[in-house]
Amino acid sequence: MRLLAGHTSTNSFSFIPHSITSFGATVLVEGCDNTLSISWVHAWTVTHGIITHLREYFNTSLTVTRISSESDSSEIITTGSVWESTLSQRVGKSVPGLILTL
């Protein structure tokens, strides 16, 4: 468990946040390790000031899009990309891409 929390006696791994962005109840935090070899994105859902849900993505390019519907119709409206991770491009790796829909 100490390894998962970043506490090891041989290797020092730390989460270094580079950006924090919020969209309503969703907070996105993007960062990397101290050698820029691992990039990560955390997507938190915050309810009444408490993190109630966490999604964690390592070495993955994440695109966030927003989908909504009109209250008086069943038409779905897509607003396109509202946020894209950038650290995976900076570390010089080819990584898988995912789309997170809000």
PDB file of N, CA and C in Angstrom:
ATOM      1  N   MET A   1       0.814  -1.194   0.000  1.00  0.00           N
ATOM      2  CA  MET A   1       0.000   0.000   0.000  1.00  0.00           C
ATOM      3  C   MET A   1       0.860   1.261   0.000  1.00  0.00           C
ATOM      4  N   ARG A   2       1.996   1.203   0.635  1.00  0.00           N
ATOM      5  CA  ARG A   2       2.867   2.374   0.667  1.00  0.00           C
ATOM      6  C   ARG A   2       3.351   2.743  -0.732  1.00  0.00           C
ATOM      7  N   LEU A   3       3.529   1.719  -1.606  1.00  0.00           N
ATOM      8  CA  LEU A   3       3.945   1.985  -2.970  1.00  0.00           C
ATOM      9  C   LEU A   3       2.864   2.762  -3.717  1.00  0.00           C
ATOM     10  N   LEU A   4       1.598   2.382  -3.555  1.00  0.00           N
ATOM     11  CA  LEU A   4       0.506   3.078  -4.226  1.00  0.00           C
ATOM     12  C   LEU A   4       0.372   4.516  -3.754  1.00  0.00           C
ATOM     13  N   ALA A   5       0.746   4.788  -2.531  1.00  0.00           N
ATOM     14  CA  ALA A   5       0.660   6.142  -1.990  1.00  0.00           C
ATOM     15  C   ALA A   5       1.914   6.951  -2.307  1.00  0.00           C
ATOM     16  N   GLY A   6       2.872   6.359  -3.020  1.00  0.00           N
ATOM     17  CA  GLY A   6       4.074   7.096  -3.390  1.00  0.00           C
ATOM     18  C   GLY A   6       5.184   7.015  -2.367  1.00  0.00           C
ATOM     19  N   HIS A   7       5.073   6.145  -1.369  1.00  0.00           N
ATOM     20  CA  HIS A   7       6.096   5.999  -0.334  1.00  0.00           C
ATOM     21  C   HIS A   7       6.903   4.734  -0.596  1.00  0.00           C
ATOM     22  N   THR A   8       8.116   4.879  -1.072  1.00  0.00           N
ATOM     23  CA  THR A   8       8.991   3.730  -1.259  1.00  0.00           C
ATOM     24  C   THR A   8      10.376   4.084  -0.741  1.00  0.00           C
ATOM     25  N   SER A   9      11.147   3.071  -0.443  1.00  0.00           N
ATOM     26  CA  SER A   9      12.496   3.335   0.053  1.00  0.00           C
ATOM     27  C   SER A   9      13.506   3.426  -1.077  1.00  0.00           C
ATOM     28  N   THR A  10      13.186   2.876  -2.273  1.00  0.00           N
ATOM     29  CA  THR A  10      14.153   2.871  -3.363  1.00  0.00           C
ATOM     30  C   THR A  10      13.883   3.943  -4.412  1.00  0.00           C
ATOM     31  N   ASN A  11      12.663   4.080  -4.839  1.00  0.00           N
ATOM     32  CA  ASN A  11      12.328   5.063  -5.873  1.00  0.00           C
ATOM     33  C   ASN A  11      11.377   6.094  -5.306  1.00  0.00           C
ATOM     34  N   SER A  12      11.631   7.320  -5.645  1.00  0.00           N
ATOM     35  CA  SER A  12      10.751   8.384  -5.186  1.00  0.00           C
ATOM     36  C   SER A  12       9.819   8.773  -6.326  1.00  0.00           C
ATOM     37  N   PHE A  13       8.529   8.537  -6.153  1.00  0.00           N
ATOM     38  CA  PHE A  13       7.524   8.910  -7.147  1.00  0.00           C
ATOM     39  C   PHE A  13       6.629   9.959  -6.536  1.00  0.00           C
ATOM     40  N   SER A  14       6.436  11.046  -7.247  1.00  0.00           N
ATOM     41  CA  SER A  14       5.551  12.079  -6.725  1.00  0.00           C
ATOM     42  C   SER A  14       4.621  12.553  -7.838  1.00  0.00           C
ATOM     43  N   PHE A  15       3.419  12.931  -7.437  1.00  0.00           N
ATOM     44  CA  PHE A  15       2.450  13.506  -8.355  1.00  0.00           C
ATOM     45  C   PHE A  15       2.669  15.011  -8.385  1.00  0.00           C
ATOM     46  N   ILE A  16       3.027  15.542  -9.543  1.00  0.00           N
ATOM     47  CA  ILE A  16       3.254  16.976  -9.678  1.00  0.00           C
ATOM     48  C   ILE A  16       2.145  17.536 -10.573  1.00  0.00           C
ATOM     49  N   PRO A  17       1.166  18.249 -10.007  1.00  0.00           N
ATOM     50  CA  PRO A  17       0.087  18.798 -10.838  1.00  0.00           C
ATOM     51  C   PRO A  17       0.588  19.979 -11.675  1.00  0.00           C
ATOM     52  N   HIS A  18       0.136  20.024 -12.935  1.00  0.00           N
ATOM     53  CA  HIS A  18       0.498  21.115 -13.833  1.00  0.00           C
ATOM     54  C   HIS A  18      -0.693  21.996 -14.165  1.00  0.00           C
ATOM     55  N   SER A  19      -1.888  21.448 -14.098  1.00  0.00           N
ATOM     56  CA  SER A  19      -3.077  22.262 -14.364  1.00  0.00           C
ATOM     57  C   SER A  19      -4.266  21.709 -13.595  1.00  0.00           C
ATOM     58  N   ILE A  20      -5.140  22.627 -13.195  1.00  0.00           N
ATOM     59  CA  ILE A  20      -6.392  22.277 -12.517  1.00  0.00           C
ATOM     60  C   ILE A  20      -7.498  23.065 -13.212  1.00  0.00           C
ATOM     61  N   THR A  21      -8.522  22.351 -13.679  1.00  0.00           N
ATOM     62  CA  THR A  21      -9.633  22.972 -14.396  1.00  0.00           C
ATOM     63  C   THR A  21     -10.921  22.373 -13.871  1.00  0.00           C
ATOM     64  N   SER A  22     -11.988  23.178 -13.794  1.00  0.00           N
ATOM     65  CA  SER A  22     -13.262  22.621 -13.342  1.00  0.00           C
ATOM     66  C   SER A  22     -14.372  22.939 -14.327  1.00  0.00           C
ATOM     67  N   PHE A  23     -15.318  22.015 -14.416  1.00  0.00           N
ATOM     68  CA  PHE A  23     -16.529  22.145 -15.214  1.00  0.00           C
ATOM     69  C   PHE A  23     -17.681  21.718 -14.326  1.00  0.00           C
ATOM     70  N   GLY A  24     -18.310  22.659 -13.654  1.00  0.00           N
ATOM     71  CA  GLY A  24     -19.377  22.315 -12.721  1.00  0.00           C
ATOM     72  C   GLY A  24     -18.833  21.484 -11.588  1.00  0.00           C
ATOM     73  N   ALA A  25     -19.389  20.273 -11.406  1.00  0.00           N
ATOM     74  CA  ALA A  25     -18.972  19.391 -10.311  1.00  0.00           C
ATOM     75  C   ALA A  25     -17.740  18.558 -10.658  1.00  0.00           C
ATOM     76  N   THR A  26     -17.237  18.656 -11.893  1.00  0.00           N
ATOM     77  CA  THR A  26     -16.072  17.872 -12.317  1.00  0.00           C
ATOM     78  C   THR A  26     -14.817  18.729 -12.270  1.00  0.00           C
ATOM     79  N   VAL A  27     -13.781  18.215 -11.603  1.00  0.00           N
ATOM     80  CA  VAL A  27     -12.488  18.891 -11.514  1.00  0.00           C
ATOM     81  C   VAL A  27     -11.466  18.005 -12.205  1.00  0.00           C
ATOM     82  N   LEU A  28     -10.709  18.586 -13.148  1.00  0.00           N
ATOM     83  CA  LEU A  28      -9.665  17.861 -13.867  1.00  0.00           C
ATOM     84  C   LEU A  28      -8.309  18.356 -13.404  1.00  0.00           C
ATOM     85  N   VAL A  29      -7.444  17.419 -13.020  1.00  0.00           N
ATOM     86  CA  VAL A  29      -6.089  17.760 -12.595  1.00  0.00           C
ATOM     87  C   VAL A  29      -5.139  16.958 -13.474  1.00  0.00           C
ATOM     88  N   GLU A  30      -4.222  17.666 -14.150  1.00  0.00           N
ATOM     89  CA  GLU A  30      -3.263  17.006 -15.026  1.00  0.00           C
ATOM     90  C   GLU A  30      -1.861  17.235 -14.492  1.00  0.00           C
ATOM     91  N   GLY A  31      -1.044  16.191 -14.552  1.00  0.00           N
ATOM     92  CA  GLY A  31       0.317  16.329 -14.073  1.00  0.00           C
ATOM     93  C   GLY A  31       1.211  15.219 -14.571  1.00  0.00           C
ATOM     94  N   CYS A  32       2.403  15.155 -13.987  1.00  0.00           N
ATOM     95  CA  CYS A  32       3.371  14.130 -14.371  1.00  0.00           C
ATOM     96  C   CYS A  32       4.273  13.841 -13.184  1.00  0.00           C
ATOM     97  N   ASP A  33       5.139  12.847 -13.359  1.00  0.00           N
ATOM     98  CA  ASP A  33       6.112  12.565 -12.303  1.00  0.00           C
ATOM     99  C   ASP A  33       7.294  13.525 -12.451  1.00  0.00           C
ATOM    100  N   ASN A  34       8.246  13.445 -11.546  1.00  0.00           N
ATOM    101  CA  ASN A  34       9.341  14.416 -11.554  1.00  0.00           C
ATOM    102  C   ASN A  34      10.332  14.215 -12.699  1.00  0.00           C
ATOM    103  N   THR A  35      10.270  13.088 -13.422  1.00  0.00           N
ATOM    104  CA  THR A  35      11.158  12.876 -14.569  1.00  0.00           C
ATOM    105  C   THR A  35      10.439  13.065 -15.901  1.00  0.00           C
ATOM    106  N   LEU A  36       9.163  13.437 -15.884  1.00  0.00           N
ATOM    107  CA  LEU A  36       8.320  13.605 -17.066  1.00  0.00           C
ATOM    108  C   LEU A  36       8.150  12.316 -17.867  1.00  0.00           C
ATOM    109  N   SER A  37       8.341  11.162 -17.235  1.00  0.00           N
ATOM    110  CA  SER A  37       8.173   9.901 -17.959  1.00  0.00           C
ATOM    111  C   SER A  37       6.756   9.355 -17.844  1.00  0.00           C
ATOM    112  N   ILE A  38       5.997   9.809 -16.858  1.00  0.00           N
ATOM    113  CA  ILE A  38       4.620   9.356 -16.659  1.00  0.00           C
ATOM    114  C   ILE A  38       3.714  10.587 -16.585  1.00  0.00           C
ATOM    115  N   SER A  39       2.699  10.619 -17.432  1.00  0.00           N
ATOM    116  CA  SER A  39       1.703  11.687 -17.335  1.00  0.00           C
ATOM    117  C   SER A  39       0.416  11.086 -16.782  1.00  0.00           C
ATOM    118  N   TRP A  40      -0.376  11.913 -16.120  1.00  0.00           N
ATOM    119  CA  TRP A  40      -1.612  11.418 -15.519  1.00  0.00           C
ATOM    120  C   TRP A  40      -2.675  12.511 -15.532  1.00  0.00           C
ATOM    121  N   VAL A  41      -3.919  12.076 -15.520  1.00  0.00           N
ATOM    122  CA  VAL A  41      -5.070  12.978 -15.395  1.00  0.00           C
ATOM    123  C   VAL A  41      -5.994  12.383 -14.352  1.00  0.00           C
ATOM    124  N   HIS A  42      -6.413  13.199 -13.399  1.00  0.00           N
ATOM    125  CA  HIS A  42      -7.434  12.811 -12.432  1.00  0.00           C
ATOM    126  C   HIS A  42      -8.702  13.590 -12.773  1.00  0.00           C
ATOM    127  N   ALA A  43      -9.827  12.911 -12.796  1.00  0.00           N
ATOM    128  CA  ALA A  43     -11.129  13.551 -12.967  1.00  0.00           C
ATOM    129  C   ALA A  43     -11.917  13.284 -11.694  1.00  0.00           C
ATOM    130  N   TRP A  44     -12.136  14.333 -10.925  1.00  0.00           N
ATOM    131  CA  TRP A  44     -12.849  14.219  -9.653  1.00  0.00           C
ATOM    132  C   TRP A  44     -14.265  14.745  -9.813  1.00  0.00           C
ATOM    133  N   THR A  45     -15.228  14.076  -9.202  1.00  0.00           N
ATOM    134  CA  THR A  45     -16.573  14.627  -9.056  1.00  0.00           C
ATOM    135  C   THR A  45     -16.674  15.119  -7.619  1.00  0.00           C
ATOM    136  N   VAL A  46     -17.013  16.381  -7.457  1.00  0.00           N
ATOM    137  CA  VAL A  46     -17.064  17.002  -6.134  1.00  0.00           C
ATOM    138  C   VAL A  46     -18.517  17.346  -5.805  1.00  0.00           C
ATOM    139  N   THR A  47     -18.983  16.836  -4.669  1.00  0.00           N
ATOM    140  CA  THR A  47     -20.344  17.105  -4.203  1.00  0.00           C
ATOM    141  C   THR A  47     -20.265  17.695  -2.801  1.00  0.00           C
ATOM    142  N   HIS A  48     -20.787  18.900  -2.634  1.00  0.00           N
ATOM    143  CA  HIS A  48     -20.762  19.587  -1.341  1.00  0.00           C
ATOM    144  C   HIS A  48     -19.355  19.656  -0.750  1.00  0.00           C
ATOM    145  N   GLY A  49     -18.356  19.894  -1.624  1.00  0.00           N
ATOM    146  CA  GLY A  49     -16.983  20.039  -1.166  1.00  0.00           C
ATOM    147  C   GLY A  49     -16.249  18.742  -0.884  1.00  0.00           C
ATOM    148  N   ILE A  50     -16.862  17.599  -1.193  1.00  0.00           N
ATOM    149  CA  ILE A  50     -16.256  16.292  -0.936  1.00  0.00           C
ATOM    150  C   ILE A  50     -16.075  15.566  -2.266  1.00  0.00           C
ATOM    151  N   ILE A  51     -14.876  14.983  -2.480  1.00  0.00           N
ATOM    152  CA  ILE A  51     -14.658  14.182  -3.686  1.00  0.00           C
ATOM    153  C   ILE A  51     -15.451  12.889  -3.542  1.00  0.00           C
ATOM    154  N   THR A  52     -16.436  12.711  -4.417  1.00  0.00           N
ATOM    155  CA  THR A  52     -17.309  11.539  -4.336  1.00  0.00           C
ATOM    156  C   THR A  52     -16.997  10.496  -5.402  1.00  0.00           C
ATOM    157  N   HIS A  53     -16.229  10.867  -6.410  1.00  0.00           N
ATOM    158  CA  HIS A  53     -15.880   9.928  -7.471  1.00  0.00           C
ATOM    159  C   HIS A  53     -14.544  10.344  -8.054  1.00  0.00           C
ATOM    160  N   LEU A  54     -13.696   9.366  -8.356  1.00  0.00           N
ATOM    161  CA  LEU A  54     -12.377   9.634  -8.923  1.00  0.00           C
ATOM    162  C   LEU A  54     -12.136   8.728 -10.113  1.00  0.00           C
ATOM    163  N   ARG A  55     -11.726   9.328 -11.223  1.00  0.00           N
ATOM    164  CA  ARG A  55     -11.250   8.566 -12.376  1.00  0.00           C
ATOM    165  C   ARG A  55      -9.782   8.926 -12.541  1.00  0.00           C
ATOM    166  N   GLU A  56      -8.942   7.935 -12.796  1.00  0.00           N
ATOM    167  CA  GLU A  56      -7.508   8.169 -12.890  1.00  0.00           C
ATOM    168  C   GLU A  56      -7.005   7.578 -14.202  1.00  0.00           C
ATOM    169  N   TYR A  57      -6.270   8.388 -14.960  1.00  0.00           N
ATOM    170  CA  TYR A  57      -5.749   7.960 -16.255  1.00  0.00           C
ATOM    171  C   TYR A  57      -4.236   8.175 -16.258  1.00  0.00           C
ATOM    172  N   PHE A  58      -3.470   7.122 -16.552  1.00  0.00           N
ATOM    173  CA  PHE A  58      -2.013   7.204 -16.637  1.00  0.00           C
ATOM    174  C   PHE A  58      -1.585   7.028 -18.088  1.00  0.00           C
ATOM    175  N   ASN A  59      -0.640   7.865 -18.525  1.00  0.00           N
ATOM    176  CA  ASN A  59      -0.083   7.803 -19.876  1.00  0.00           C
ATOM    177  C   ASN A  59      -1.188   7.664 -20.921  1.00  0.00           C
ATOM    178  N   THR A  60      -2.187   8.506 -20.792  1.00  0.00           N
ATOM    179  CA  THR A  60      -3.343   8.513 -21.682  1.00  0.00           C
ATOM    180  C   THR A  60      -3.663   9.946 -22.060  1.00  0.00           C
ATOM    181  N   SER A  61      -3.954  10.169 -23.323  1.00  0.00           N
ATOM    182  CA  SER A  61      -4.397  11.476 -23.775  1.00  0.00           C
ATOM    183  C   SER A  61      -5.909  11.543 -23.574  1.00  0.00           C
ATOM    184  N   LEU A  62      -6.368  12.539 -22.853  1.00  0.00           N
ATOM    185  CA  LEU A  62      -7.787  12.632 -22.509  1.00  0.00           C
ATOM    186  C   LEU A  62      -8.405  13.867 -23.161  1.00  0.00           C
ATOM    187  N   THR A  63      -9.542  13.678 -23.808  1.00  0.00           N
ATOM    188  CA  THR A  63     -10.330  14.772 -24.370  1.00  0.00           C
ATOM    189  C   THR A  63     -11.665  14.789 -23.646  1.00  0.00           C
ATOM    190  N   VAL A  64     -12.074  15.946 -23.170  1.00  0.00           N
ATOM    191  CA  VAL A  64     -13.342  16.088 -22.453  1.00  0.00           C
ATOM    192  C   VAL A  64     -14.328  16.792 -23.370  1.00  0.00           C
ATOM    193  N   THR A  65     -15.518  16.227 -23.479  1.00  0.00           N
ATOM    194  CA  THR A  65     -16.574  16.821 -24.282  1.00  0.00           C
ATOM    195  C   THR A  65     -17.824  16.951 -23.424  1.00  0.00           C
ATOM    196  N   ARG A  66     -18.690  17.849 -23.798  1.00  0.00           N
ATOM    197  CA  ARG A  66     -19.920  18.065 -23.038  1.00  0.00           C
ATOM    198  C   ARG A  66     -21.118  17.764 -23.930  1.00  0.00           C
ATOM    199  N   ILE A  67     -22.038  16.966 -23.401  1.00  0.00           N
ATOM    200  CA  ILE A  67     -23.271  16.634 -24.106  1.00  0.00           C
ATOM    201  C   ILE A  67     -24.434  17.018 -23.202  1.00  0.00           C
ATOM    202  N   SER A  68     -25.403  17.702 -23.767  1.00  0.00           N
ATOM    203  CA  SER A  68     -26.579  18.093 -22.981  1.00  0.00           C
ATOM    204  C   SER A  68     -27.816  17.958 -23.849  1.00  0.00           C
ATOM    205  N   SER A  69     -28.962  18.093 -23.232  1.00  0.00           N
ATOM    206  CA  SER A  69     -30.213  18.047 -23.982  1.00  0.00           C
ATOM    207  C   SER A  69     -31.082  19.216 -23.557  1.00  0.00           C
ATOM    208  N   GLU A  70     -31.912  19.650 -24.475  1.00  0.00           N
ATOM    209  CA  GLU A  70     -32.873  20.707 -24.167  1.00  0.00           C
ATOM    210  C   GLU A  70     -33.912  20.137 -23.207  1.00  0.00           C
ATOM    211  N   SER A  71     -34.318  20.915 -22.241  1.00  0.00           N
ATOM    212  CA  SER A  71     -35.273  20.416 -21.248  1.00  0.00           C
ATOM    213  C   SER A  71     -36.641  20.133 -21.849  1.00  0.00           C
ATOM    214  N   ASP A  72     -36.995  20.826 -22.944  1.00  0.00           N
ATOM    215  CA  ASP A  72     -38.322  20.621 -23.519  1.00  0.00           C
ATOM    216  C   ASP A  72     -38.299  19.747 -24.782  1.00  0.00           C
ATOM    217  N   SER A  73     -37.164  19.133 -25.088  1.00  0.00           N
ATOM    218  CA  SER A  73     -37.114  18.234 -26.244  1.00  0.00           C
ATOM    219  C   SER A  73     -36.140  17.090 -25.959  1.00  0.00           C
ATOM    220  N   SER A  74     -36.164  16.120 -26.833  1.00  0.00           N
ATOM    221  CA  SER A  74     -35.256  14.986 -26.661  1.00  0.00           C
ATOM    222  C   SER A  74     -33.988  15.144 -27.500  1.00  0.00           C
ATOM    223  N   GLU A  75     -33.801  16.319 -28.085  1.00  0.00           N
ATOM    224  CA  GLU A  75     -32.622  16.569 -28.922  1.00  0.00           C
ATOM    225  C   GLU A  75     -31.363  16.668 -28.062  1.00  0.00           C
ATOM    226  N   ILE A  76     -30.326  15.957 -28.465  1.00  0.00           N
ATOM    227  CA  ILE A  76     -29.054  15.983 -27.754  1.00  0.00           C
ATOM    228  C   ILE A  76     -28.139  16.986 -28.430  1.00  0.00           C
ATOM    229  N   ILE A  77     -27.521  17.835 -27.627  1.00  0.00           N
ATOM    230  CA  ILE A  77     -26.634  18.873 -28.134  1.00  0.00           C
ATOM    231  C   ILE A  77     -25.210  18.545 -27.704  1.00  0.00           C
ATOM    232  N   THR A  78     -24.297  18.476 -28.677  1.00  0.00           N
ATOM    233  CA  THR A  78     -22.885  18.233 -28.387  1.00  0.00           C
ATOM    234  C   THR A  78     -22.133  19.539 -28.575  1.00  0.00           C
ATOM    235  N   THR A  79     -21.399  19.946 -27.551  1.00  0.00           N
ATOM    236  CA  THR A  79     -20.659  21.196 -27.641  1.00  0.00           C
ATOM    237  C   THR A  79     -19.220  20.983 -28.104  1.00  0.00           C
ATOM    238  N   GLY A  80     -18.850  19.745 -28.373  1.00  0.00           N
ATOM    239  CA  GLY A  80     -17.497  19.464 -28.836  1.00  0.00           C
ATOM    240  C   GLY A  80     -16.512  19.410 -27.685  1.00  0.00           C
ATOM    241  N   SER A  81     -15.252  19.473 -28.029  1.00  0.00           N
ATOM    242  CA  SER A  81     -14.190  19.373 -27.039  1.00  0.00           C
ATOM    243  C   SER A  81     -14.134  20.633 -26.181  1.00  0.00           C
ATOM    244  N   VAL A  82     -14.152  20.441 -24.843  1.00  0.00           N
ATOM    245  CA  VAL A  82     -14.036  21.588 -23.934  1.00  0.00           C
ATOM    246  C   VAL A  82     -12.703  21.595 -23.204  1.00  0.00           C
ATOM    247  N   TRP A  83     -11.963  20.465 -23.265  1.00  0.00           N
ATOM    248  CA  TRP A  83     -10.650  20.388 -22.622  1.00  0.00           C
ATOM    249  C   TRP A  83      -9.876  19.222 -23.207  1.00  0.00           C
ATOM    250  N   GLU A  84      -8.559  19.393 -23.378  1.00  0.00           N
ATOM    251  CA  GLU A  84      -7.701  18.306 -23.843  1.00  0.00           C
ATOM    252  C   GLU A  84      -6.429  18.282 -23.029  1.00  0.00           C
ATOM    253  N   SER A  85      -5.985  17.078 -22.664  1.00  0.00           N
ATOM    254  CA  SER A  85      -4.724  16.963 -21.937  1.00  0.00           C
ATOM    255  C   SER A  85      -3.574  17.290 -22.883  1.00  0.00           C
ATOM    256  N   THR A  86      -2.492  17.809 -22.315  1.00  0.00           N
ATOM    257  CA  THR A  86      -1.350  18.217 -23.136  1.00  0.00           C
ATOM    258  C   THR A  86      -0.051  17.551 -22.716  1.00  0.00           C
ATOM    259  N   LEU A  87       0.029  17.029 -21.504  1.00  0.00           N
ATOM    260  CA  LEU A  87       1.303  16.502 -21.022  1.00  0.00           C
ATOM    261  C   LEU A  87       1.765  15.268 -21.778  1.00  0.00           C
ATOM    262  N   SER A  88       0.854  14.430 -22.272  1.00  0.00           N
ATOM    263  CA  SER A  88       1.278  13.233 -22.989  1.00  0.00           C
ATOM    264  C   SER A  88       2.053  13.610 -24.251  1.00  0.00           C
ATOM    265  N   GLN A  89       1.736  14.755 -24.865  1.00  0.00           N
ATOM    266  CA  GLN A  89       2.499  15.210 -26.027  1.00  0.00           C
ATOM    267  C   GLN A  89       3.861  15.745 -25.608  1.00  0.00           C
ATOM    268  N   ARG A  90       3.940  16.379 -24.444  1.00  0.00           N
ATOM    269  CA  ARG A  90       5.198  16.946 -23.974  1.00  0.00           C
ATOM    270  C   ARG A  90       6.216  15.900 -23.551  1.00  0.00           C
ATOM    271  N   VAL A  91       5.761  14.731 -23.090  1.00  0.00           N
ATOM    272  CA  VAL A  91       6.710  13.699 -22.670  1.00  0.00           C
ATOM    273  C   VAL A  91       7.213  12.893 -23.858  1.00  0.00           C
ATOM    274  N   GLY A  92       6.679  13.157 -25.054  1.00  0.00           N
ATOM    275  CA  GLY A  92       7.198  12.543 -26.259  1.00  0.00           C
ATOM    276  C   GLY A  92       6.824  11.087 -26.445  1.00  0.00           C
ATOM    277  N   LYS A  93       5.665  10.694 -25.973  1.00  0.00           N
ATOM    278  CA  LYS A  93       5.217   9.312 -26.101  1.00  0.00           C
ATOM    279  C   LYS A  93       3.945   9.243 -26.946  1.00  0.00           C
ATOM    280  N   SER A  94       3.778   8.119 -27.604  1.00  0.00           N
ATOM    281  CA  SER A  94       2.511   7.826 -28.236  1.00  0.00           C
ATOM    282  C   SER A  94       1.676   7.088 -27.190  1.00  0.00           C
ATOM    283  N   VAL A  95       0.534   7.650 -26.849  1.00  0.00           N
ATOM    284  CA  VAL A  95      -0.307   7.068 -25.803  1.00  0.00           C
ATOM    285  C   VAL A  95      -1.735   6.902 -26.334  1.00  0.00           C
ATOM    286  N   PRO A  96      -2.518   6.006 -25.739  1.00  0.00           N
ATOM    287  CA  PRO A  96      -3.913   5.858 -26.179  1.00  0.00           C
ATOM    288  C   PRO A  96      -4.725   7.098 -25.827  1.00  0.00           C
ATOM    289  N   GLY A  97      -5.761   7.331 -26.595  1.00  0.00           N
ATOM    290  CA  GLY A  97      -6.639   8.470 -26.348  1.00  0.00           C
ATOM    291  C   GLY A  97      -8.011   8.022 -25.877  1.00  0.00           C
ATOM    292  N   LEU A  98      -8.581   8.771 -24.952  1.00  0.00           N
ATOM    293  CA  LEU A  98      -9.924   8.493 -24.451  1.00  0.00           C
ATOM    294  C   LEU A  98     -10.745   9.776 -24.499  1.00  0.00           C
ATOM    295  N   ILE A  99     -12.055   9.601 -24.548  1.00  0.00           N
ATOM    296  CA  ILE A  99     -12.986  10.739 -24.485  1.00  0.00           C
ATOM    297  C   ILE A  99     -13.809  10.594 -23.226  1.00  0.00           C
ATOM    298  N   LEU A 100     -13.808  11.646 -22.402  1.00  0.00           N
ATOM    299  CA  LEU A 100     -14.633  11.703 -21.198  1.00  0.00           C
ATOM    300  C   LEU A 100     -15.787  12.647 -21.494  1.00  0.00           C
ATOM    301  N   THR A 101     -17.008  12.164 -21.303  1.00  0.00           N
ATOM    302  CA  THR A 101     -18.193  12.965 -21.591  1.00  0.00           C
ATOM    303  C   THR A 101     -18.811  13.463 -20.298  1.00  0.00           C
ATOM    304  N   LEU A 102     -19.056  14.764 -20.238  1.00  0.00           N
ATOM    305  CA  LEU A 102     -19.688  15.376 -19.071  1.00  0.00           C
ATOM    306  C   LEU A 102     -21.158  15.587 -19.349  1.00  0.00           C
TER     307      LEU A 102
END
